[in-house]
Amino acid sequence: MQGSALAQRGPVAGEREVSFSADPTRSLGQRIGLGDVVDLYATSGQGETSRTSVVARSVRVIDRQARQGAAGFIYTVALADPDAVESVVAAAAAGSLTVVRATAAAPASVGGG
């Protein structure tokens, strides 16, 4: 069983849940799963005037669902910073959100080891 399958689901105290859809080309295809820690980037503008910035760093993925009738996934993440929630929602609405894996979920410890 993968460590991400054993990851804690749901937010902890002080966190907010937010969901967004992400195209596979902007979210590592199927390689991001439950418990992974990701950074979220937003891109604004086009061509030479485009600018990319981090809108949330070290965010825990608490759910991933296949999109109905479309490629990609709907991710749910837990955020502690209300400003980050606002930035993620705005970037998702603009279709400019990119998901970058920061770390993979740590394997669960089995036994008393």
Protein backbone atom coordinates (compact mmCIF):
# COMPACT_ATOMS: atom_id res chain seq x y z
CA MET A 1 0.00 0.00 0.00
CA GLN A 2 1.33 3.45 -0.87
CA GLY A 3 2.05 5.90 1.93
CA SER A 4 -0.27 8.42 0.33
CA ALA A 5 -3.14 5.96 0.69
CA LEU A 6 -2.65 6.13 4.46
CA ALA A 7 -2.39 9.91 4.64
CA GLN A 8 -4.64 11.87 6.96
CA ARG A 9 -7.73 13.21 5.20
CA GLY A 10 -9.35 16.48 6.05
CA PRO A 11 -8.06 19.71 7.52
CA VAL A 12 -6.59 20.09 10.97
CA ALA A 13 -7.54 22.90 13.36
CA GLY A 14 -7.10 26.32 11.77
CA GLU A 15 -7.01 25.05 8.17
CA ARG A 16 -9.53 25.64 5.41
CA GLU A 17 -10.35 23.24 2.59
CA VAL A 18 -10.37 24.51 -0.98
CA SER A 19 -10.88 22.54 -4.19
CA PHE A 20 -9.80 23.35 -7.71
CA SER A 21 -9.47 21.54 -11.01
CA ALA A 22 -6.14 21.22 -12.72
CA ASP A 23 -5.27 20.20 -16.23
CA PRO A 24 -2.89 17.19 -16.33
CA THR A 25 -0.23 19.29 -18.07
CA ARG A 26 -0.26 21.71 -15.12
CA SER A 27 -0.39 19.10 -12.36
CA LEU A 28 2.05 16.27 -13.16
CA GLY A 29 -0.61 14.07 -14.73
CA GLN A 30 -1.65 11.37 -12.27
CA ARG A 31 1.46 11.55 -10.08
CA ILE A 32 0.09 13.76 -7.29
CA GLY A 33 -1.89 11.91 -4.65
CA LEU A 34 -3.29 12.08 -1.16
CA GLY A 35 -0.82 13.29 1.43
CA ASP A 36 1.55 14.82 -1.11
CA VAL A 37 2.78 18.31 -0.32
CA VAL A 38 2.57 20.75 -3.21
CA ASP A 39 3.29 24.36 -4.08
CA LEU A 40 0.66 26.25 -6.07
CA TYR A 41 1.65 28.82 -8.70
CA ALA A 42 -0.46 31.35 -10.60
CA THR A 43 0.42 32.81 -13.99
CA SER A 44 -1.00 36.11 -15.18
CA GLY A 45 -0.60 37.94 -18.46
CA GLN A 46 0.55 36.49 -21.79
CA GLY A 47 3.74 36.28 -23.77
CA GLU A 48 6.54 38.56 -22.62
CA THR A 49 4.30 40.21 -20.05
CA SER A 50 3.39 36.95 -18.29
CA ARG A 51 4.34 36.60 -14.65
CA THR A 52 4.29 33.51 -12.44
CA SER A 53 4.27 33.62 -8.65
CA VAL A 54 3.73 31.28 -5.73
CA VAL A 55 0.24 31.61 -4.24
CA ALA A 56 0.60 28.83 -1.65
CA ARG A 57 3.61 26.88 -0.47
CA SER A 58 3.80 23.47 1.25
CA VAL A 59 0.11 22.66 0.88
CA ARG A 60 -1.15 19.18 1.82
CA VAL A 61 -3.37 17.38 -0.70
CA ILE A 62 -6.29 15.87 1.21
CA ASP A 63 -8.35 14.58 -1.74
CA ARG A 64 -8.11 13.95 -5.49
CA GLN A 65 -11.06 13.06 -7.73
CA ALA A 66 -11.17 12.45 -11.48
CA ARG A 67 -13.01 15.20 -13.35
CA GLN A 68 -16.27 14.03 -14.88
CA GLY A 69 -16.15 14.24 -18.68
CA ALA A 70 -12.79 16.03 -18.78
CA ALA A 71 -9.11 15.30 -18.40
CA GLY A 72 -7.43 16.07 -15.11
CA PHE A 73 -8.42 16.03 -11.49
CA ILE A 74 -10.17 18.01 -8.83
CA TYR A 75 -7.77 18.48 -5.94
CA THR A 76 -8.73 19.45 -2.42
CA VAL A 77 -6.02 21.02 -0.29
CA ALA A 78 -5.82 22.27 3.28
CA LEU A 79 -4.65 25.85 3.77
CA ALA A 80 -3.94 27.65 7.04
CA ASP A 81 -3.52 31.13 5.53
CA PRO A 82 -6.79 32.92 4.57
CA ASP A 83 -4.87 35.08 2.06
CA ALA A 84 -3.59 31.91 0.36
CA VAL A 85 -7.18 30.65 0.10
CA GLU A 86 -8.16 33.84 -1.70
CA SER A 87 -5.15 33.63 -4.04
CA VAL A 88 -5.77 29.97 -4.88
CA VAL A 89 -9.47 30.60 -5.60
CA ALA A 90 -8.64 33.55 -7.86
CA ALA A 91 -5.94 31.62 -9.76
CA ALA A 92 -8.23 28.61 -10.18
CA ALA A 93 -11.04 30.83 -11.49
CA ALA A 94 -8.65 32.39 -14.01
CA GLY A 95 -7.46 28.94 -15.12
CA SER A 96 -3.87 29.82 -14.33
CA LEU A 97 -3.11 27.46 -11.44
CA THR A 98 -0.13 25.08 -11.68
CA VAL A 99 0.50 22.34 -9.11
CA VAL A 100 4.14 21.51 -8.31
CA ARG A 101 5.02 18.59 -6.05
CA ALA A 102 7.17 19.74 -3.12
CA THR A 103 7.46 16.31 -1.46
CA ALA A 104 5.85 12.92 -1.75
CA ALA A 105 3.93 11.53 1.19
CA ALA A 106 6.14 9.77 3.70
CA PRO A 107 5.57 6.01 3.88
CA ALA A 108 3.58 4.98 6.91
CA SER A 109 5.54 3.24 9.60
CA VAL A 110 4.48 -0.36 10.10
CA GLY A 111 5.17 -2.23 13.32
CA GLY A 112 6.80 -0.98 16.48
CA GLY A 113 10.03 -0.10 14.79
